Amino acid sequence: MGLINKANEFLKILNEFAASEGYHSYADANKICEKLGINDREQVRHIVKLLENRGLVRAIWTCDGISVNLSEEGVVFIESGYGLSSVFQQDPKVTMHIDQSTTIHGNIEHSNLAVHSEGVNQGLSETRSYIQVLDEMLQLIENDQTLSDEEKADNITDVENLRRELSKNKPKRANVHTYIASLGGLASLGSLITQLIQLLPGLFGNN
């Protein structure tokens, strides 16, 4: 099976995951590839990068793995019934022209963050949970001896900006993902960011 065919099958499984767990949920790319009989981490990276470059998925890259989410373009692509081969022959800059405001910007490969959310549906009753997570983040940043005062200030600002965004009736995914990507560079926040990502589907609701 060639790379494009593997990417095609990967996208189908991710779509099934999204339909089951919610389109805001993130799946473990390695687990998807295991279903395809692919255990080579380098192949997993190539498949995800191929799909990400074409705007069909969003990806959070970490030292421990890759979490993926089906983008709006990916949903439209799946529903259109087109084959991947025609898309991958095009320049990714002109493949699709749908708003990409929810794309996660930023590479957090230097973090030991392990984001393997299998999609946790949360209701409004979980609102206090994200506040607790953010409070714990602030404590860890304050106590992180590896950070300079300036770095602490920058990261605390990101947490507070994240808090303000999530407290809105309609949080902007682009802003939330940008703050998470920025904080993802801190190894000490790994497990807390994982918890926060699991809460995002409920916080975004139907926005």
N, C-alpha and C. Protein backbone atom coordinates (compact mmCIF):
# COMPACT_ATOMS: atom_id res chain seq x y z
N MET A 1 0.85 -1.19 0.00
CA MET A 1 0.00 0.00 0.00
C MET A 1 0.88 1.24 0.00
N GLY A 2 0.69 2.14 -0.98
CA GLY A 2 1.49 3.34 -1.08
C GLY A 2 1.11 4.36 -0.02
N LEU A 3 1.92 5.42 0.09
CA LEU A 3 1.71 6.43 1.11
C LEU A 3 0.34 7.10 0.96
N ILE A 4 -0.04 7.41 -0.27
CA ILE A 4 -1.32 8.09 -0.49
C ILE A 4 -2.48 7.19 -0.08
N ASN A 5 -2.40 5.91 -0.41
CA ASN A 5 -3.47 4.98 -0.02
C ASN A 5 -3.53 4.83 1.50
N LYS A 6 -2.35 4.83 2.13
CA LYS A 6 -2.32 4.75 3.60
C LYS A 6 -2.97 6.00 4.21
N ALA A 7 -2.65 7.16 3.63
CA ALA A 7 -3.23 8.41 4.12
C ALA A 7 -4.75 8.41 3.93
N ASN A 8 -5.19 7.84 2.82
CA ASN A 8 -6.62 7.75 2.55
C ASN A 8 -7.33 6.90 3.59
N GLU A 9 -6.76 5.75 3.93
CA GLU A 9 -7.34 4.87 4.93
C GLU A 9 -7.27 5.51 6.31
N PHE A 10 -6.18 6.21 6.58
CA PHE A 10 -6.01 6.93 7.86
C PHE A 10 -7.15 7.94 8.02
N LEU A 11 -7.42 8.69 6.96
CA LEU A 11 -8.45 9.72 7.01
C LEU A 11 -9.83 9.11 7.25
N LYS A 12 -10.08 7.96 6.66
CA LYS A 12 -11.37 7.29 6.85
C LYS A 12 -11.58 6.90 8.32
N ILE A 13 -10.52 6.36 8.93
CA ILE A 13 -10.62 5.94 10.33
C ILE A 13 -10.78 7.16 11.23
N LEU A 14 -10.05 8.24 10.92
CA LEU A 14 -10.16 9.47 11.71
C LEU A 14 -11.57 10.04 11.60
N ASN A 15 -12.17 9.94 10.44
CA ASN A 15 -13.53 10.42 10.25
C ASN A 15 -14.51 9.60 11.09
N GLU A 16 -14.31 8.30 11.15
CA GLU A 16 -15.17 7.44 11.97
C GLU A 16 -15.02 7.82 13.44
N PHE A 17 -13.78 8.10 13.85
CA PHE A 17 -13.53 8.52 15.23
C PHE A 17 -14.26 9.83 15.52
N ALA A 18 -14.15 10.79 14.59
CA ALA A 18 -14.78 12.10 14.78
C ALA A 18 -16.30 11.99 14.86
N ALA A 19 -16.86 11.12 14.00
CA ALA A 19 -18.32 10.94 14.00
C ALA A 19 -18.79 10.33 15.32
N SER A 20 -17.93 9.50 15.92
CA SER A 20 -18.29 8.82 17.16
C SER A 20 -18.03 9.67 18.40
N GLU A 21 -16.86 10.32 18.43
CA GLU A 21 -16.43 11.04 19.64
C GLU A 21 -16.64 12.55 19.58
N GLY A 22 -16.93 13.06 18.40
CA GLY A 22 -17.10 14.50 18.25
C GLY A 22 -16.00 15.09 17.41
N TYR A 23 -16.35 16.06 16.58
CA TYR A 23 -15.38 16.63 15.64
C TYR A 23 -14.38 17.57 16.29
N HIS A 24 -14.54 17.86 17.58
CA HIS A 24 -13.55 18.68 18.28
C HIS A 24 -12.54 17.80 19.02
N SER A 25 -12.75 16.50 19.01
CA SER A 25 -11.88 15.59 19.77
C SER A 25 -10.63 15.22 18.97
N TYR A 26 -9.57 14.92 19.70
CA TYR A 26 -8.31 14.53 19.08
C TYR A 26 -8.06 13.04 19.27
N ALA A 27 -7.54 12.41 18.23
CA ALA A 27 -7.24 10.98 18.27
C ALA A 27 -5.73 10.76 18.25
N ASP A 28 -5.30 9.62 18.72
CA ASP A 28 -3.90 9.24 18.73
C ASP A 28 -3.54 8.69 17.35
N ALA A 29 -2.66 9.38 16.63
CA ALA A 29 -2.29 8.98 15.28
C ALA A 29 -1.65 7.60 15.25
N ASN A 30 -0.89 7.27 16.28
CA ASN A 30 -0.24 5.95 16.32
C ASN A 30 -1.28 4.83 16.41
N LYS A 31 -2.33 5.06 17.19
CA LYS A 31 -3.36 4.05 17.34
C LYS A 31 -4.14 3.85 16.05
N ILE A 32 -4.35 4.95 15.31
CA ILE A 32 -5.02 4.83 14.01
C ILE A 32 -4.17 3.99 13.07
N CYS A 33 -2.88 4.29 13.06
CA CYS A 33 -1.98 3.55 12.15
C CYS A 33 -1.85 2.08 12.55
N GLU A 34 -1.95 1.80 13.84
CA GLU A 34 -1.90 0.40 14.27
C GLU A 34 -3.05 -0.40 13.66
N LYS A 35 -4.20 0.26 13.50
CA LYS A 35 -5.35 -0.41 12.88
C LYS A 35 -5.08 -0.72 11.40
N LEU A 36 -4.14 0.02 10.83
CA LEU A 36 -3.76 -0.20 9.43
C LEU A 36 -2.56 -1.12 9.31
N GLY A 37 -2.09 -1.61 10.46
CA GLY A 37 -0.93 -2.49 10.46
C GLY A 37 0.38 -1.73 10.32
N ILE A 38 0.36 -0.44 10.63
CA ILE A 38 1.56 0.40 10.52
C ILE A 38 2.09 0.68 11.92
N ASN A 39 3.29 0.20 12.21
CA ASN A 39 3.90 0.40 13.53
C ASN A 39 5.17 1.23 13.47
N ASP A 40 5.57 1.61 12.27
CA ASP A 40 6.76 2.42 12.08
C ASP A 40 6.42 3.88 12.35
N ARG A 41 7.01 4.46 13.40
CA ARG A 41 6.70 5.84 13.78
C ARG A 41 7.02 6.83 12.67
N GLU A 42 8.06 6.54 11.88
CA GLU A 42 8.42 7.44 10.79
C GLU A 42 7.33 7.47 9.73
N GLN A 43 6.73 6.31 9.45
CA GLN A 43 5.62 6.26 8.50
C GLN A 43 4.43 7.04 9.02
N VAL A 44 4.19 6.92 10.32
CA VAL A 44 3.08 7.66 10.93
C VAL A 44 3.29 9.16 10.72
N ARG A 45 4.51 9.62 10.94
CA ARG A 45 4.82 11.04 10.77
C ARG A 45 4.59 11.48 9.32
N HIS A 46 5.01 10.65 8.37
CA HIS A 46 4.85 10.99 6.95
C HIS A 46 3.37 11.10 6.58
N ILE A 47 2.57 10.18 7.09
CA ILE A 47 1.13 10.19 6.78
C ILE A 47 0.47 11.44 7.34
N VAL A 48 0.75 11.73 8.61
CA VAL A 48 0.14 12.89 9.24
C VAL A 48 0.61 14.18 8.57
N LYS A 49 1.89 14.27 8.28
CA LYS A 49 2.42 15.48 7.64
C LYS A 49 1.78 15.69 6.27
N LEU A 50 1.58 14.61 5.53
CA LEU A 50 0.95 14.69 4.22
C LEU A 50 -0.46 15.26 4.33
N LEU A 51 -1.22 14.76 5.29
CA LEU A 51 -2.59 15.22 5.48
C LEU A 51 -2.62 16.65 6.04
N GLU A 52 -1.70 16.94 6.94
CA GLU A 52 -1.65 18.27 7.55
C GLU A 52 -1.29 19.33 6.51
N ASN A 53 -0.33 19.02 5.63
CA ASN A 53 0.09 19.98 4.62
C ASN A 53 -1.03 20.33 3.65
N ARG A 54 -1.98 19.41 3.49
CA ARG A 54 -3.12 19.64 2.60
C ARG A 54 -4.32 20.21 3.34
N GLY A 55 -4.13 20.50 4.63
CA GLY A 55 -5.20 21.12 5.40
C GLY A 55 -6.33 20.20 5.78
N LEU A 56 -6.14 18.88 5.67
CA LEU A 56 -7.21 17.93 5.95
C LEU A 56 -7.29 17.55 7.42
N VAL A 57 -6.18 17.70 8.15
CA VAL A 57 -6.17 17.42 9.59
C VAL A 57 -5.39 18.51 10.32
N ARG A 58 -5.66 18.63 11.61
CA ARG A 58 -4.84 19.44 12.51
C ARG A 58 -4.03 18.45 13.33
N ALA A 59 -2.82 18.83 13.67
CA ALA A 59 -1.97 17.90 14.42
C ALA A 59 -1.22 18.62 15.53
N ILE A 60 -1.12 17.95 16.68
CA ILE A 60 -0.28 18.42 17.78
C ILE A 60 0.87 17.43 17.88
N TRP A 61 2.08 17.92 17.60
CA TRP A 61 3.28 17.07 17.57
C TRP A 61 3.99 17.15 18.92
N THR A 62 4.27 16.01 19.49
CA THR A 62 4.99 15.95 20.77
C THR A 62 6.07 14.88 20.69
N CYS A 63 6.91 14.83 21.71
CA CYS A 63 7.96 13.80 21.75
C CYS A 63 7.37 12.41 21.87
N ASP A 64 6.19 12.30 22.46
CA ASP A 64 5.60 11.00 22.73
C ASP A 64 4.62 10.54 21.66
N GLY A 65 4.25 11.40 20.74
CA GLY A 65 3.31 10.98 19.72
C GLY A 65 2.67 12.16 19.02
N ILE A 66 1.61 11.86 18.27
CA ILE A 66 0.91 12.88 17.51
C ILE A 66 -0.58 12.74 17.75
N SER A 67 -1.23 13.84 18.12
CA SER A 67 -2.68 13.85 18.26
C SER A 67 -3.26 14.56 17.05
N VAL A 68 -4.30 13.99 16.45
CA VAL A 68 -4.86 14.54 15.22
C VAL A 68 -6.35 14.79 15.34
N ASN A 69 -6.79 15.78 14.58
CA ASN A 69 -8.19 16.19 14.58
C ASN A 69 -8.58 16.48 13.14
N LEU A 70 -9.76 16.05 12.73
CA LEU A 70 -10.23 16.29 11.37
C LEU A 70 -10.61 17.75 11.20
N SER A 71 -10.01 18.44 10.23
CA SER A 71 -10.30 19.85 10.00
C SER A 71 -11.60 20.01 9.21
N GLU A 72 -12.06 21.26 9.08
CA GLU A 72 -13.25 21.53 8.29
C GLU A 72 -13.04 21.08 6.85
N GLU A 73 -11.82 21.34 6.33
CA GLU A 73 -11.51 20.90 4.97
C GLU A 73 -11.59 19.38 4.86
N GLY A 74 -11.11 18.70 5.91
CA GLY A 74 -11.16 17.24 5.91
C GLY A 74 -12.57 16.71 5.90
N VAL A 75 -13.45 17.36 6.66
CA VAL A 75 -14.86 16.94 6.70
C VAL A 75 -15.48 17.10 5.32
N VAL A 76 -15.26 18.27 4.72
CA VAL A 76 -15.82 18.53 3.39
C VAL A 76 -15.25 17.54 2.38
N PHE A 77 -13.97 17.27 2.49
CA PHE A 77 -13.31 16.35 1.57
C PHE A 77 -13.90 14.95 1.67
N ILE A 78 -14.09 14.48 2.91
CA ILE A 78 -14.66 13.15 3.11
C ILE A 78 -16.06 13.08 2.54
N GLU A 79 -16.86 14.11 2.81
CA GLU A 79 -18.24 14.11 2.35
C GLU A 79 -18.35 14.24 0.83
N SER A 80 -17.32 14.83 0.21
CA SER A 80 -17.34 15.01 -1.24
C SER A 80 -17.13 13.69 -1.97
N GLY A 81 -16.46 12.73 -1.28
CA GLY A 81 -16.23 11.42 -1.89
C GLY A 81 -15.08 11.39 -2.87
N TYR A 82 -14.26 12.46 -2.93
CA TYR A 82 -13.12 12.47 -3.85
C TYR A 82 -12.03 11.53 -3.35
N GLY A 83 -11.19 11.07 -4.28
CA GLY A 83 -10.06 10.24 -3.89
C GLY A 83 -8.88 11.11 -3.50
N LEU A 84 -8.08 10.64 -2.60
CA LEU A 84 -6.95 11.44 -2.14
C LEU A 84 -5.91 11.67 -3.22
N SER A 85 -5.76 10.73 -4.13
CA SER A 85 -4.69 10.84 -5.12
C SER A 85 -4.79 12.13 -5.92
N SER A 86 -6.00 12.56 -6.26
CA SER A 86 -6.15 13.79 -7.03
C SER A 86 -5.77 15.00 -6.21
N VAL A 87 -6.09 14.97 -4.91
CA VAL A 87 -5.75 16.09 -4.04
C VAL A 87 -4.25 16.21 -3.84
N PHE A 88 -3.57 15.09 -3.64
CA PHE A 88 -2.15 15.13 -3.33
C PHE A 88 -1.29 15.44 -4.55
N GLN A 89 -1.91 15.49 -5.72
CA GLN A 89 -1.17 15.88 -6.92
C GLN A 89 -1.21 17.40 -7.09
N GLN A 90 -2.03 18.06 -6.27
CA GLN A 90 -2.15 19.50 -6.37
C GLN A 90 -1.20 20.19 -5.41
N ASP A 91 -0.94 21.45 -5.69
CA ASP A 91 -0.17 22.27 -4.77
C ASP A 91 -1.02 22.48 -3.53
N PRO A 92 -0.50 22.18 -2.33
CA PRO A 92 -1.30 22.32 -1.11
C PRO A 92 -1.81 23.74 -0.90
N LYS A 93 -1.17 24.75 -1.50
CA LYS A 93 -1.61 26.12 -1.32
C LYS A 93 -2.93 26.39 -2.02
N VAL A 94 -3.27 25.56 -3.03
CA VAL A 94 -4.49 25.81 -3.78
C VAL A 94 -5.45 24.64 -3.69
N THR A 95 -5.20 23.72 -2.79
CA THR A 95 -6.06 22.55 -2.69
C THR A 95 -7.48 22.93 -2.32
N MET A 96 -7.65 23.73 -1.27
CA MET A 96 -8.96 24.14 -0.81
C MET A 96 -8.88 25.56 -0.28
N HIS A 97 -10.01 26.21 -0.21
CA HIS A 97 -10.02 27.61 0.21
C HIS A 97 -11.07 27.83 1.29
N ILE A 98 -11.12 26.93 2.23
CA ILE A 98 -12.05 27.04 3.35
C ILE A 98 -11.31 27.64 4.52
N ASP A 99 -11.99 28.47 5.30
CA ASP A 99 -11.36 29.13 6.44
C ASP A 99 -10.66 28.14 7.34
N GLN A 100 -9.41 28.44 7.67
CA GLN A 100 -8.62 27.55 8.52
C GLN A 100 -8.38 28.18 9.89
N SER A 101 -9.36 28.92 10.38
CA SER A 101 -9.16 29.67 11.63
C SER A 101 -8.94 28.78 12.82
N THR A 102 -9.27 27.47 12.72
CA THR A 102 -9.10 26.61 13.88
C THR A 102 -7.84 25.77 13.80
N THR A 103 -7.00 26.02 12.81
CA THR A 103 -5.76 25.26 12.71
C THR A 103 -4.86 25.57 13.89
N ILE A 104 -4.26 24.53 14.46
CA ILE A 104 -3.33 24.73 15.57
C ILE A 104 -1.98 25.15 15.01
N HIS A 105 -1.52 26.33 15.38
CA HIS A 105 -0.24 26.83 14.92
C HIS A 105 0.80 26.62 16.01
N GLY A 106 1.97 26.15 15.60
CA GLY A 106 3.04 25.99 16.58
C GLY A 106 3.47 24.56 16.71
N ASN A 107 4.78 24.37 16.79
CA ASN A 107 5.35 23.04 16.92
C ASN A 107 5.82 22.85 18.35
N ILE A 108 5.34 21.80 19.01
CA ILE A 108 5.73 21.60 20.40
C ILE A 108 6.46 20.28 20.56
N GLU A 109 7.32 19.99 19.57
CA GLU A 109 8.07 18.74 19.60
C GLU A 109 9.04 18.66 20.76
N HIS A 110 9.44 19.81 21.31
CA HIS A 110 10.44 19.80 22.37
C HIS A 110 9.82 19.60 23.75
N SER A 111 8.55 19.28 23.79
CA SER A 111 7.89 19.03 25.06
C SER A 111 7.70 17.53 25.24
N ASN A 112 7.63 17.08 26.50
CA ASN A 112 7.34 15.67 26.73
C ASN A 112 5.84 15.47 26.89
N LEU A 113 5.08 16.44 26.42
CA LEU A 113 3.63 16.39 26.49
C LEU A 113 3.10 15.16 25.77
N ALA A 114 2.26 14.39 26.45
CA ALA A 114 1.66 13.20 25.85
C ALA A 114 0.19 13.44 25.65
N VAL A 115 -0.19 13.82 24.43
CA VAL A 115 -1.58 14.13 24.16
C VAL A 115 -2.19 12.97 23.40
N HIS A 116 -2.94 12.12 24.09
CA HIS A 116 -3.54 10.96 23.45
C HIS A 116 -5.02 10.93 23.76
N SER A 117 -5.65 12.07 23.63
CA SER A 117 -7.08 12.14 23.92
C SER A 117 -7.87 11.29 22.97
N GLU A 118 -8.67 10.40 23.51
CA GLU A 118 -9.54 9.58 22.70
C GLU A 118 -10.94 10.18 22.60
N GLY A 119 -11.04 11.45 22.99
CA GLY A 119 -12.30 12.16 22.85
C GLY A 119 -13.15 12.02 24.09
N VAL A 120 -13.16 13.02 24.90
CA VAL A 120 -13.96 12.99 26.11
C VAL A 120 -15.05 14.04 26.00
N ASN A 121 -16.28 13.63 25.95
CA ASN A 121 -17.39 14.56 25.84
C ASN A 121 -17.70 15.15 27.20
N GLN A 122 -17.64 16.47 27.30
CA GLN A 122 -17.86 17.13 28.56
C GLN A 122 -19.04 18.08 28.45
N GLY A 123 -19.81 18.20 29.51
CA GLY A 123 -20.94 19.13 29.52
C GLY A 123 -20.55 20.41 30.21
N LEU A 124 -21.50 21.33 30.33
CA LEU A 124 -21.22 22.61 30.96
C LEU A 124 -20.86 22.45 32.43
N SER A 125 -21.25 21.33 33.03
CA SER A 125 -20.93 21.09 34.43
C SER A 125 -19.44 20.92 34.65
N GLU A 126 -18.68 20.74 33.54
CA GLU A 126 -17.24 20.54 33.65
C GLU A 126 -16.47 21.86 33.64
N THR A 127 -17.20 22.99 33.57
CA THR A 127 -16.54 24.28 33.45
C THR A 127 -15.52 24.51 34.56
N ARG A 128 -15.84 24.13 35.77
CA ARG A 128 -14.92 24.35 36.90
C ARG A 128 -13.63 23.56 36.73
N SER A 129 -13.70 22.44 36.02
CA SER A 129 -12.51 21.61 35.84
C SER A 129 -11.41 22.36 35.09
N TYR A 130 -11.78 23.08 34.04
CA TYR A 130 -10.75 23.78 33.27
C TYR A 130 -10.13 24.90 34.12
N ILE A 131 -10.92 25.50 35.00
CA ILE A 131 -10.40 26.54 35.88
C ILE A 131 -9.36 25.95 36.83
N GLN A 132 -9.66 24.77 37.35
CA GLN A 132 -8.72 24.10 38.24
C GLN A 132 -7.43 23.75 37.52
N VAL A 133 -7.57 23.28 36.28
CA VAL A 133 -6.39 22.93 35.49
C VAL A 133 -5.51 24.16 35.26
N LEU A 134 -6.13 25.27 34.91
CA LEU A 134 -5.37 26.50 34.67
C LEU A 134 -4.71 27.01 35.95
N ASP A 135 -5.40 26.88 37.08
CA ASP A 135 -4.81 27.29 38.35
C ASP A 135 -3.57 26.45 38.67
N GLU A 136 -3.66 25.16 38.39
CA GLU A 136 -2.51 24.28 38.63
C GLU A 136 -1.36 24.63 37.70
N MET A 137 -1.69 25.03 36.47
CA MET A 137 -0.65 25.46 35.53
C MET A 137 0.12 26.65 36.09
N LEU A 138 -0.62 27.62 36.63
CA LEU A 138 0.02 28.81 37.18
C LEU A 138 0.97 28.45 38.32
N GLN A 139 0.53 27.53 39.17
CA GLN A 139 1.38 27.11 40.29
C GLN A 139 2.67 26.46 39.79
N LEU A 140 2.56 25.60 38.78
CA LEU A 140 3.74 24.92 38.25
C LEU A 140 4.70 25.90 37.60
N ILE A 141 4.15 26.88 36.89
CA ILE A 141 5.00 27.87 36.24
C ILE A 141 5.74 28.69 37.30
N GLU A 142 5.01 29.11 38.33
CA GLU A 142 5.63 29.89 39.41
C GLU A 142 6.77 29.12 40.07
N ASN A 143 6.61 27.81 40.20
CA ASN A 143 7.59 26.99 40.92
C ASN A 143 8.66 26.37 40.01
N ASP A 144 8.59 26.64 38.72
CA ASP A 144 9.53 26.05 37.77
C ASP A 144 10.86 26.79 37.83
N GLN A 145 11.86 26.15 38.41
CA GLN A 145 13.17 26.77 38.61
C GLN A 145 13.97 26.88 37.32
N THR A 146 13.52 26.21 36.27
CA THR A 146 14.26 26.25 35.00
C THR A 146 13.89 27.49 34.17
N LEU A 147 12.86 28.22 34.60
CA LEU A 147 12.40 29.38 33.86
C LEU A 147 12.93 30.69 34.46
N SER A 148 13.29 31.61 33.58
CA SER A 148 13.67 32.94 34.05
C SER A 148 12.40 33.70 34.43
N ASP A 149 12.56 34.82 35.09
CA ASP A 149 11.40 35.63 35.47
C ASP A 149 10.62 36.08 34.24
N GLU A 150 11.36 36.41 33.18
CA GLU A 150 10.71 36.85 31.95
C GLU A 150 9.91 35.72 31.31
N GLU A 151 10.49 34.51 31.32
CA GLU A 151 9.79 33.36 30.75
C GLU A 151 8.55 33.02 31.57
N LYS A 152 8.67 33.13 32.88
CA LYS A 152 7.51 32.89 33.74
C LYS A 152 6.40 33.88 33.42
N ALA A 153 6.77 35.13 33.26
CA ALA A 153 5.78 36.17 32.98
C ALA A 153 5.07 35.90 31.66
N ASP A 154 5.84 35.50 30.65
CA ASP A 154 5.25 35.22 29.34
C ASP A 154 4.27 34.06 29.41
N ASN A 155 4.65 33.00 30.12
CA ASN A 155 3.79 31.82 30.20
C ASN A 155 2.56 32.08 31.06
N ILE A 156 2.72 32.86 32.11
CA ILE A 156 1.57 33.22 32.95
C ILE A 156 0.58 34.04 32.12
N THR A 157 1.10 34.91 31.27
CA THR A 157 0.23 35.70 30.39
C THR A 157 -0.56 34.78 29.46
N ASP A 158 0.10 33.75 28.93
CA ASP A 158 -0.59 32.80 28.05
C ASP A 158 -1.72 32.09 28.79
N VAL A 159 -1.45 31.69 30.03
CA VAL A 159 -2.47 30.99 30.82
C VAL A 159 -3.66 31.91 31.08
N GLU A 160 -3.38 33.15 31.43
CA GLU A 160 -4.46 34.09 31.71
C GLU A 160 -5.25 34.43 30.45
N ASN A 161 -4.56 34.53 29.33
CA ASN A 161 -5.26 34.76 28.06
C ASN A 161 -6.15 33.57 27.72
N LEU A 162 -5.64 32.38 28.00
CA LEU A 162 -6.40 31.16 27.77
C LEU A 162 -7.63 31.12 28.66
N ARG A 163 -7.46 31.53 29.90
CA ARG A 163 -8.58 31.57 30.85
C ARG A 163 -9.68 32.52 30.35
N ARG A 164 -9.24 33.71 29.90
CA ARG A 164 -10.22 34.69 29.41
C ARG A 164 -10.96 34.18 28.18
N GLU A 165 -10.22 33.51 27.29
CA GLU A 165 -10.85 33.01 26.06
C GLU A 165 -11.86 31.91 26.37
N LEU A 166 -11.49 30.98 27.25
CA LEU A 166 -12.37 29.87 27.57
C LEU A 166 -13.58 30.30 28.39
N SER A 167 -13.49 31.46 29.04
CA SER A 167 -14.62 31.94 29.84
C SER A 167 -15.70 32.59 28.99
N LYS A 168 -15.38 32.82 27.72
CA LYS A 168 -16.36 33.46 26.83
C LYS A 168 -17.47 32.48 26.46
N ASN A 169 -18.64 33.02 26.08
CA ASN A 169 -19.74 32.16 25.65
C ASN A 169 -19.37 31.38 24.41
N LYS A 170 -18.60 32.00 23.53
CA LYS A 170 -18.15 31.34 22.30
C LYS A 170 -16.65 31.51 22.14
N PRO A 171 -15.87 30.65 22.81
CA PRO A 171 -14.41 30.76 22.69
C PRO A 171 -13.96 30.56 21.24
N LYS A 172 -12.94 31.29 20.83
CA LYS A 172 -12.39 31.13 19.49
C LYS A 172 -11.35 30.02 19.50
N ARG A 173 -11.61 28.99 18.72
CA ARG A 173 -10.69 27.83 18.72
C ARG A 173 -9.27 28.24 18.33
N ALA A 174 -9.16 29.14 17.36
CA ALA A 174 -7.83 29.55 16.90
C ALA A 174 -7.01 30.13 18.04
N ASN A 175 -7.64 30.98 18.86
CA ASN A 175 -6.94 31.59 20.00
C ASN A 175 -6.56 30.53 21.03
N VAL A 176 -7.51 29.64 21.35
CA VAL A 176 -7.27 28.59 22.34
C VAL A 176 -6.12 27.70 21.90
N HIS A 177 -6.13 27.28 20.64
CA HIS A 177 -5.08 26.39 20.14
C HIS A 177 -3.72 27.08 20.11
N THR A 178 -3.72 28.38 19.82
CA THR A 178 -2.46 29.12 19.81
C THR A 178 -1.84 29.17 21.21
N TYR A 179 -2.65 29.45 22.22
CA TYR A 179 -2.14 29.50 23.60
C TYR A 179 -1.67 28.12 24.05
N ILE A 180 -2.41 27.07 23.69
CA ILE A 180 -2.02 25.72 24.08
C ILE A 180 -0.70 25.34 23.43
N ALA A 181 -0.55 25.68 22.15
CA ALA A 181 0.70 25.37 21.44
C ALA A 181 1.88 26.08 22.08
N SER A 182 1.66 27.32 22.53
CA SER A 182 2.72 28.08 23.17
C SER A 182 3.11 27.45 24.51
N LEU A 183 2.12 27.07 25.30
CA LEU A 183 2.38 26.46 26.61
C LEU A 183 2.92 25.05 26.48
N GLY A 184 2.69 24.42 25.34
CA GLY A 184 3.14 23.04 25.14
C GLY A 184 4.65 22.88 25.18
N GLY A 185 5.38 24.01 25.06
CA GLY A 185 6.83 23.92 25.13
C GLY A 185 7.36 23.68 26.53
N LEU A 186 6.48 23.76 27.54
CA LEU A 186 6.90 23.53 28.93
C LEU A 186 6.65 22.08 29.31
N ALA A 187 7.73 21.35 29.54
CA ALA A 187 7.61 19.94 29.89
C ALA A 187 6.78 19.73 31.15
N SER A 188 6.89 20.66 32.10
CA SER A 188 6.20 20.51 33.38
C SER A 188 4.68 20.57 33.26
N LEU A 189 4.18 21.12 32.15
CA LEU A 189 2.74 21.26 31.98
C LEU A 189 2.12 20.12 31.17
N GLY A 190 2.94 19.15 30.78
CA GLY A 190 2.47 18.09 29.90
C GLY A 190 1.13 17.46 30.25
N SER A 191 1.02 16.92 31.47
CA SER A 191 -0.20 16.21 31.85
C SER A 191 -1.39 17.15 31.98
N LEU A 192 -1.13 18.39 32.40
CA LEU A 192 -2.22 19.35 32.55
C LEU A 192 -2.77 19.78 31.20
N ILE A 193 -1.90 19.93 30.21
CA ILE A 193 -2.37 20.29 28.88
C ILE A 193 -3.17 19.13 28.29
N THR A 194 -2.75 17.90 28.58
CA THR A 194 -3.53 16.75 28.15
C THR A 194 -4.94 16.81 28.72
N GLN A 195 -5.05 17.12 30.00
CA GLN A 195 -6.37 17.22 30.65
C GLN A 195 -7.20 18.34 30.01
N LEU A 196 -6.54 19.46 29.72
CA LEU A 196 -7.26 20.59 29.13
C LEU A 196 -7.78 20.24 27.74
N ILE A 197 -6.97 19.57 26.94
CA ILE A 197 -7.38 19.18 25.60
C ILE A 197 -8.59 18.26 25.66
N GLN A 198 -8.63 17.39 26.67
CA GLN A 198 -9.76 16.48 26.82
C GLN A 198 -11.05 17.23 27.16
N LEU A 199 -10.90 18.42 27.76
CA LEU A 199 -12.09 19.20 28.14
C LEU A 199 -12.60 20.10 27.00
N LEU A 200 -11.80 20.31 25.97
CA LEU A 200 -12.16 21.26 24.93
C LEU A 200 -13.48 20.97 24.22
N PRO A 201 -13.80 19.70 23.88
CA PRO A 201 -15.09 19.47 23.19
C PRO A 201 -16.28 20.04 23.94
N GLY A 202 -16.32 19.85 25.26
CA GLY A 202 -17.43 20.37 26.05
C GLY A 202 -17.41 21.88 26.17
N LEU A 203 -16.21 22.47 26.17
CA LEU A 203 -16.10 23.91 26.31
C LEU A 203 -16.47 24.63 25.01
N PHE A 204 -16.15 24.00 23.88
CA PHE A 204 -16.50 24.60 22.60
C PHE A 204 -17.97 24.42 22.28
N GLY A 205 -18.55 23.31 22.78
CA GLY A 205 -19.96 23.03 22.50
C GLY A 205 -20.20 22.89 21.02
N ASN A 206 -21.20 23.59 20.50
CA ASN A 206 -21.53 23.53 19.08
C ASN A 206 -21.00 24.71 18.30
N ASN A 207 -20.04 25.43 18.89
CA ASN A 207 -19.51 26.62 18.21
C ASN A 207 -18.77 26.22 16.96
